[in-house]
Structures are given as C-alpha cells and as structure tokens.
C-alpha atoms as a PDB file:
ATOM      1  CA  UNK A   1      -5.913  36.662  38.378  1.00  0.00           C
ATOM      2  CA  UNK A   2      -5.725  33.847  40.812  1.00  0.00           C
ATOM      3  CA  UNK A   3      -5.152  30.324  39.713  1.00  0.00           C
ATOM      4  CA  UNK A   4      -5.956  27.136  41.214  1.00  0.00           C
ATOM      5  CA  UNK A   5      -2.413  26.295  41.905  1.00  0.00           C
ATOM      6  CA  UNK A   6      -1.865  29.639  43.888  1.00  0.00           C
ATOM      7  CA  UNK A   7      -4.954  28.124  46.206  1.00  0.00           C
ATOM      8  CA  UNK A   8      -3.415  25.121  46.735  1.00  0.00           C
ATOM      9  CA  UNK A   9       0.064  26.341  47.423  1.00  0.00           C
ATOM     10  CA  UNK A  10      -0.524  29.704  49.282  1.00  0.00           C
ATOM     11  CA  UNK A  11      -3.911  29.014  50.989  1.00  0.00           C
ATOM     12  CA  UNK A  12      -4.645  25.329  51.556  1.00  0.00           C
ATOM     13  CA  UNK A  13      -3.001  24.552  54.933  1.00  0.00           C
ATOM     14  CA  UNK A  14      -1.466  28.059  55.335  1.00  0.00           C
ATOM     15  CA  UNK A  15      -4.034  30.010  57.151  1.00  0.00           C
ATOM     16  CA  UNK A  16      -6.481  29.647  59.943  1.00  0.00           C
ATOM     17  CA  UNK A  17     -10.007  30.868  59.769  1.00  0.00           C
ATOM     18  CA  UNK A  18     -10.160  34.315  61.816  1.00  0.00           C
ATOM     19  CA  UNK A  19     -12.063  37.476  62.624  1.00  0.00           C
ATOM     20  CA  UNK A  20     -12.174  38.204  58.777  1.00  0.00           C
ATOM     21  CA  UNK A  21     -11.493  34.988  56.846  1.00  0.00           C
ATOM     22  CA  UNK A  22     -14.005  32.256  56.590  1.00  0.00           C
ATOM     23  CA  UNK A  23     -13.947  29.325  54.173  1.00  0.00           C
ATOM     24  CA  UNK A  24     -17.175  27.426  53.146  1.00  0.00           C
ATOM     25  CA  UNK A  25     -18.171  24.823  50.723  1.00  0.00           C
ATOM     26  CA  UNK A  26     -21.589  24.495  48.976  1.00  0.00           C
ATOM     27  CA  UNK A  27     -22.693  20.948  49.606  1.00  0.00           C
ATOM     28  CA  UNK A  28     -25.722  19.890  47.686  1.00  0.00           C
ATOM     29  CA  UNK A  29     -27.376  16.513  47.175  1.00  0.00           C
ATOM     30  CA  UNK A  30     -26.151  14.531  44.108  1.00  0.00           C
ATOM     31  CA  UNK A  31     -29.542  15.226  42.272  1.00  0.00           C
ATOM     32  CA  UNK A  32     -29.833  18.813  43.195  1.00  0.00           C
ATOM     33  CA  UNK A  33     -29.651  21.206  40.234  1.00  0.00           C
ATOM     34  CA  UNK A  34     -30.084  24.553  41.857  1.00  0.00           C
ATOM     35  CA  UNK A  35     -28.592  26.288  44.783  1.00  0.00           C
ATOM     36  CA  UNK A  36     -31.489  26.447  47.505  1.00  0.00           C
ATOM     37  CA  UNK A  37     -32.089  29.125  49.895  1.00  0.00           C
ATOM     38  CA  UNK A  38     -30.669  27.042  52.982  1.00  0.00           C
ATOM     39  CA  UNK A  39     -27.544  26.672  51.162  1.00  0.00           C
ATOM     40  CA  UNK A  40     -27.043  30.298  50.070  1.00  0.00           C
ATOM     41  CA  UNK A  41     -27.862  31.312  53.598  1.00  0.00           C
ATOM     42  CA  UNK A  42     -25.551  29.123  55.422  1.00  0.00           C
ATOM     43  CA  UNK A  43     -22.569  29.225  52.739  1.00  0.00           C
ATOM     44  CA  UNK A  44     -22.692  32.712  51.682  1.00  0.00           C
ATOM     45  CA  UNK A  45     -25.198  35.116  53.334  1.00  0.00           C
ATOM     46  CA  UNK A  46     -24.561  34.236  57.071  1.00  0.00           C
ATOM     47  CA  UNK A  47     -20.616  34.581  56.741  1.00  0.00           C
ATOM     48  CA  UNK A  48     -20.886  37.925  54.759  1.00  0.00           C
ATOM     49  CA  UNK A  49     -23.487  39.619  57.317  1.00  0.00           C
ATOM     50  CA  UNK A  50     -21.268  38.275  59.956  1.00  0.00           C
ATOM     51  CA  UNK A  51     -18.277  40.328  58.404  1.00  0.00           C
ATOM     52  CA  UNK A  52     -20.566  43.269  57.870  1.00  0.00           C
ATOM     53  CA  UNK A  53     -21.552  43.450  61.658  1.00  0.00           C
ATOM     54  CA  UNK A  54     -18.118  43.402  62.939  1.00  0.00           C
ATOM     55  CA  UNK A  55     -16.239  46.475  64.228  1.00  0.00           C
ATOM     56  CA  UNK A  56     -14.098  46.746  61.087  1.00  0.00           C
ATOM     57  CA  UNK A  57     -16.957  45.707  58.840  1.00  0.00           C
ATOM     58  CA  UNK A  58     -15.070  43.643  56.379  1.00  0.00           C
ATOM     59  CA  UNK A  59     -13.870  40.308  55.567  1.00  0.00           C
ATOM     60  CA  UNK A  60     -12.857  37.486  52.810  1.00  0.00           C
ATOM     61  CA  UNK A  61     -15.118  34.563  52.193  1.00  0.00           C
ATOM     62  CA  UNK A  62     -13.367  31.840  50.206  1.00  0.00           C
ATOM     63  CA  UNK A  63     -16.328  29.930  48.705  1.00  0.00           C
ATOM     64  CA  UNK A  64     -15.163  26.465  47.672  1.00  0.00           C
ATOM     65  CA  UNK A  65     -12.722  25.617  50.144  1.00  0.00           C
ATOM     66  CA  UNK A  66     -13.274  23.004  52.981  1.00  0.00           C
ATOM     67  CA  UNK A  67     -11.809  23.188  56.438  1.00  0.00           C
ATOM     68  CA  UNK A  68     -10.538  21.114  58.924  1.00  0.00           C
ATOM     69  CA  UNK A  69     -10.463  22.254  62.505  1.00  0.00           C
ATOM     70  CA  UNK A  70     -10.575  25.816  61.219  1.00  0.00           C
ATOM     71  CA  UNK A  71      -7.829  25.387  58.738  1.00  0.00           C
ATOM     72  CA  UNK A  72      -8.512  25.278  54.930  1.00  0.00           C
ATOM     73  CA  UNK A  73      -7.724  21.867  53.724  1.00  0.00           C
ATOM     74  CA  UNK A  74      -9.070  21.044  50.373  1.00  0.00           C
ATOM     75  CA  UNK A  75     -10.916  22.827  47.625  1.00  0.00           C
ATOM     76  CA  UNK A  76     -14.630  21.798  47.239  1.00  0.00           C
ATOM     77  CA  UNK A  77     -15.147  23.423  43.820  1.00  0.00           C
ATOM     78  CA  UNK A  78     -18.521  24.901  43.014  1.00  0.00           C
ATOM     79  CA  UNK A  79     -20.108  23.577  39.586  1.00  0.00           C
ATOM     80  CA  UNK A  80     -20.731  26.248  37.140  1.00  0.00           C
ATOM     81  CA  UNK A  81     -24.096  25.225  36.608  1.00  0.00           C
ATOM     82  CA  UNK A  82     -25.036  25.967  40.144  1.00  0.00           C
ATOM     83  CA  UNK A  83     -23.370  29.296  40.127  1.00  0.00           C
ATOM     84  CA  UNK A  84     -22.481  30.349  36.786  1.00  0.00           C
ATOM     85  CA  UNK A  85     -20.769  33.837  37.013  1.00  0.00           C
ATOM     86  CA  UNK A  86     -19.528  36.624  39.201  1.00  0.00           C
ATOM     87  CA  UNK A  87     -22.680  38.525  38.231  1.00  0.00           C
ATOM     88  CA  UNK A  88     -25.065  35.805  39.506  1.00  0.00           C
ATOM     89  CA  UNK A  89     -23.156  35.491  42.714  1.00  0.00           C
ATOM     90  CA  UNK A  90     -23.221  39.337  43.276  1.00  0.00           C
ATOM     91  CA  UNK A  91     -27.093  39.259  42.605  1.00  0.00           C
ATOM     92  CA  UNK A  92     -27.479  36.410  45.133  1.00  0.00           C
ATOM     93  CA  UNK A  93     -25.443  38.402  47.479  1.00  0.00           C
ATOM     94  CA  UNK A  94     -26.973  41.855  47.317  1.00  0.00           C
ATOM     95  CA  UNK A  95     -30.658  40.292  46.788  1.00  0.00           C
ATOM     96  CA  UNK A  96     -30.487  38.583  50.458  1.00  0.00           C
ATOM     97  CA  UNK A  97     -28.696  41.115  52.463  1.00  0.00           C
ATOM     98  CA  UNK A  98     -30.512  43.807  54.077  1.00  0.00           C
ATOM     99  CA  UNK A  99     -30.175  46.297  57.020  1.00  0.00           C
ATOM    100  CA  UNK A 100     -31.594  48.411  59.673  1.00  0.00           C
ATOM    101  CA  UNK A 101     -31.990  51.212  58.724  1.00  0.00           C
ATOM    102  CA  UNK A 102     -32.169  50.551  55.120  1.00  0.00           C
ATOM    103  CA  UNK A 103     -28.631  51.077  53.798  1.00  0.00           C
ATOM    104  CA  UNK A 104     -27.959  54.145  51.523  1.00  0.00           C
ATOM    105  CA  UNK A 105     -24.947  52.450  49.977  1.00  0.00           C
ATOM    106  CA  UNK A 106     -24.815  48.644  49.560  1.00  0.00           C
ATOM    107  CA  UNK A 107     -21.774  46.987  50.915  1.00  0.00           C
ATOM    108  CA  UNK A 108     -18.632  46.969  48.485  1.00  0.00           C
ATOM    109  CA  UNK A 109     -18.149  43.668  46.922  1.00  0.00           C
ATOM    110  CA  UNK A 110     -15.048  42.104  45.371  1.00  0.00           C
ATOM    111  CA  UNK A 111     -15.630  38.968  43.654  1.00  0.00           C
ATOM    112  CA  UNK A 112     -12.551  36.747  41.965  1.00  0.00           C
ATOM    113  CA  UNK A 113     -13.624  34.004  40.195  1.00  0.00           C
ATOM    114  CA  UNK A 114     -10.915  31.234  40.048  1.00  0.00           C
ATOM    115  CA  UNK A 115     -11.216  28.534  37.414  1.00  0.00           C
ATOM    116  CA  UNK A 116     -10.598  24.954  38.818  1.00  0.00           C
ATOM    117  CA  UNK A 117     -11.369  22.959  35.537  1.00  0.00           C
ATOM    118  CA  UNK A 118     -13.904  23.337  32.645  1.00  0.00           C
ATOM    119  CA  UNK A 119     -16.919  22.591  34.937  1.00  0.00           C
ATOM    120  CA  UNK A 120     -15.734  23.963  38.394  1.00  0.00           C
ATOM    121  CA  UNK A 121     -14.631  27.083  40.226  1.00  0.00           C
ATOM    122  CA  UNK A 122     -14.177  28.803  43.319  1.00  0.00           C
ATOM    123  CA  UNK A 123     -14.903  32.207  44.618  1.00  0.00           C
ATOM    124  CA  UNK A 124     -13.152  34.793  46.705  1.00  0.00           C
ATOM    125  CA  UNK A 125     -15.723  37.375  48.019  1.00  0.00           C
ATOM    126  CA  UNK A 126     -14.274  40.248  49.624  1.00  0.00           C
ATOM    127  CA  UNK A 127     -17.066  42.570  51.414  1.00  0.00           C
ATOM    128  CA  UNK A 128     -16.851  45.939  52.998  1.00  0.00           C
ATOM    129  CA  UNK A 129     -19.355  47.909  54.754  1.00  0.00           C
ATOM    130  CA  UNK A 130     -19.926  51.400  53.332  1.00  0.00           C
ATOM    131  CA  UNK A 131     -22.709  52.764  55.997  1.00  0.00           C
ATOM    132  CA  UNK A 132     -21.129  52.395  59.520  1.00  0.00           C
ATOM    133  CA  UNK A 133     -24.511  52.822  61.252  1.00  0.00           C
ATOM    134  CA  UNK A 134     -26.084  49.890  59.520  1.00  0.00           C
ATOM    135  CA  UNK A 135     -26.809  46.643  61.023  1.00  0.00           C
ATOM    136  CA  UNK A 136     -27.152  43.762  58.443  1.00  0.00           C
ATOM    137  CA  UNK A 137     -29.580  40.623  58.275  1.00  0.00           C
ATOM    138  CA  UNK A 138     -30.602  38.129  55.851  1.00  0.00           C
ATOM    139  CA  UNK A 139     -33.681  38.584  53.839  1.00  0.00           C
ATOM    140  CA  UNK A 140     -34.070  34.685  53.690  1.00  0.00           C
ATOM    141  CA  UNK A 141     -34.173  34.222  57.479  1.00  0.00           C
ATOM    142  CA  UNK A 142     -34.516  37.525  58.974  1.00  0.00           C
ATOM    143  CA  UNK A 143     -31.220  36.418  61.056  1.00  0.00           C
ATOM    144  CA  UNK A 144     -28.499  38.854  61.776  1.00  0.00           C
ATOM    145  CA  UNK A 145     -25.056  37.533  62.363  1.00  0.00           C
ATOM    146  CA  UNK A 146     -22.036  38.596  63.836  1.00  0.00           C
ATOM    147  CA  UNK A 147     -18.348  37.344  63.394  1.00  0.00           C
ATOM    148  CA  UNK A 148     -16.538  36.920  66.557  1.00  0.00           C
ATOM    149  CA  UNK A 149     -12.996  35.295  66.518  1.00  0.00           C
ATOM    150  CA  UNK A 150     -13.342  32.467  64.233  1.00  0.00           C
ATOM    151  CA  UNK A 151     -16.897  31.743  64.158  1.00  0.00           C
ATOM    152  CA  UNK A 152     -20.311  33.411  63.055  1.00  0.00           C
ATOM    153  CA  UNK A 153     -22.847  34.074  65.719  1.00  0.00           C
ATOM    154  CA  UNK A 154     -26.672  34.148  65.134  1.00  0.00           C
ATOM    155  CA  UNK A 155     -28.158  37.185  66.577  1.00  0.00           C
ATOM    156  CA  UNK A 156     -31.642  37.202  67.954  1.00  0.00           C
ATOM    157  CA  UNK A 157     -34.106  40.194  67.390  1.00  0.00           C
ATOM    158  CA  UNK A 158     -32.870  41.582  70.985  1.00  0.00           C
ATOM    159  CA  UNK A 159     -29.384  41.401  69.930  1.00  0.00           C
ATOM    160  CA  UNK A 160     -30.039  42.914  66.643  1.00  0.00           C
ATOM    161  CA  UNK A 161     -31.799  45.757  68.217  1.00  0.00           C
ATOM    162  CA  UNK A 162     -29.037  46.267  70.827  1.00  0.00           C
ATOM    163  CA  UNK A 163     -26.502  46.372  67.810  1.00  0.00           C
ATOM    164  CA  UNK A 164     -28.762  48.913  66.434  1.00  0.00           C
ATOM    165  CA  UNK A 165     -28.725  51.093  69.337  1.00  0.00           C
ATOM    166  CA  UNK A 166     -24.883  51.047  69.718  1.00  0.00           C
ATOM    167  CA  UNK A 167     -24.442  52.268  66.121  1.00  0.00           C
ATOM    168  CA  UNK A 168     -27.065  54.832  66.222  1.00  0.00           C
ATOM    169  CA  UNK A 169     -25.956  57.746  68.289  1.00  0.00           C
ATOM    170  CA  UNK A 170     -28.041  60.804  68.542  1.00  0.00           C
ATOM    171  CA  UNK A 171     -27.625  63.167  65.500  1.00  0.00           C
ATOM    172  CA  UNK A 172     -28.895  66.726  65.255  1.00  0.00           C
ATOM    173  CA  UNK A 173     -30.489  68.115  62.258  1.00  0.00           C
ATOM    174  CA  UNK A 174     -31.300  71.711  61.784  1.00  0.00           C
ATOM    175  CA  UNK A 175     -33.191  72.940  58.946  1.00  0.00           C
ATOM    176  CA  UNK A 176     -32.666  76.735  58.065  1.00  0.00           C
ATOM    177  CA  UNK A 177     -35.208  77.061  55.571  1.00  0.00           C
ATOM    178  CA  UNK A 178     -38.301  77.296  57.922  1.00  0.00           C
ATOM    179  CA  UNK A 179     -38.900  80.147  60.116  1.00  0.00           C
ATOM    180  CA  UNK A 180     -38.879  79.549  63.818  1.00  0.00           C
ATOM    181  CA  UNK A 181     -42.233  78.846  65.400  1.00  0.00           C
ATOM    182  CA  UNK A 182     -43.309  81.864  67.355  1.00  0.00           C
ATOM    183  CA  UNK A 183     -44.575  81.212  70.635  1.00  0.00           C
ATOM    184  CA  UNK A 184     -46.914  83.471  72.591  1.00  0.00           C
ATOM    185  CA  UNK A 185     -47.088  83.485  76.227  1.00  0.00           C
END
C-alpha cells in the first residue's frame, strides 16, 4: 500500500491538477463532529462527477491533500472519526451520485486508504465510468459537473440535457417474439 512518505516524496509539489487529477481537503469547523452534505458535495461528489462526465470518464481524487495554484502542496488529513473507513466513503459516494438515464452499472471505484497517524488518514479515490451513455449528477444538489482542463464546472439543467442528448444516439430495438401487425387497406 501507499505510505505517508510516498505521498510526501512523490506527490507533494510534483504534479499539477489536471483533466483527470484533483486534490481536495475536507475543511470542517473546529467543533464539527460529522461531515455535512455541503462538505461531501464540494470535496467528494463534485470532483468525482466531474470526472465521470468527461469524454474518458475517469479520474483520481486525492482526498486530504491541499493545493496552492493547482499544485498539491500539503497533506490536510481527514480525521478518522469524520470518515472512518473505505467502506463508509464508498457508501457516501455511491449514495450521492445518480445519473440520467439511471445507471445499470455503478461507476467502478478503487479507494486507497493512506494512514497518516493513529487519528488521521487520506484517501486516493479512482473512479471510472462503466455506462458510457449516462450523464451523472449529484443527489444532494441535483447539479451536474464536468471536468475541463484543471477545474470542475457546474452544469445547469440545460447543459445536463445537452450532454444527455450527445451521449444518447438513436438505437434500434427489434423484437422477434411478436407477430407483425397486419394492416388492412
């Protein structure tokens, strides 16, 4: 697995956020004991949906890494009592991402939990779209998102439908189990 030292040596200051890489911290008020929907939306759901709606449909979110001008510059660890496990994080993600049309296959998620110390960790979340014809949006805000270059753009309803129409080309379905309808002239 990945260790804190690997993150410090190989990621901090070495990359820039891009089309398929985003770094986010989770910033809570000092007395806040639970992650709220606003933090879930901005730190987790928005970047992941942004990746899913791109042409390639995949990306890596480094959750618990802060940036300066688009370059990862420091570890901002997530308290283990805020997000306890990979399973809890997976449930948060799957529970808050939906699509038009409703997806047949949930996006593929690979989550790496990196221990910082006994009370803190960070997560690397790799997401990959399975259903190419789906357009994804947030169950929390109903917003769609799209990653362009190194930023995630919020899509309005019209833009979501535009994206849906581009992905849904006509398909022909023929059923052979029914008799053709006879017409009389």
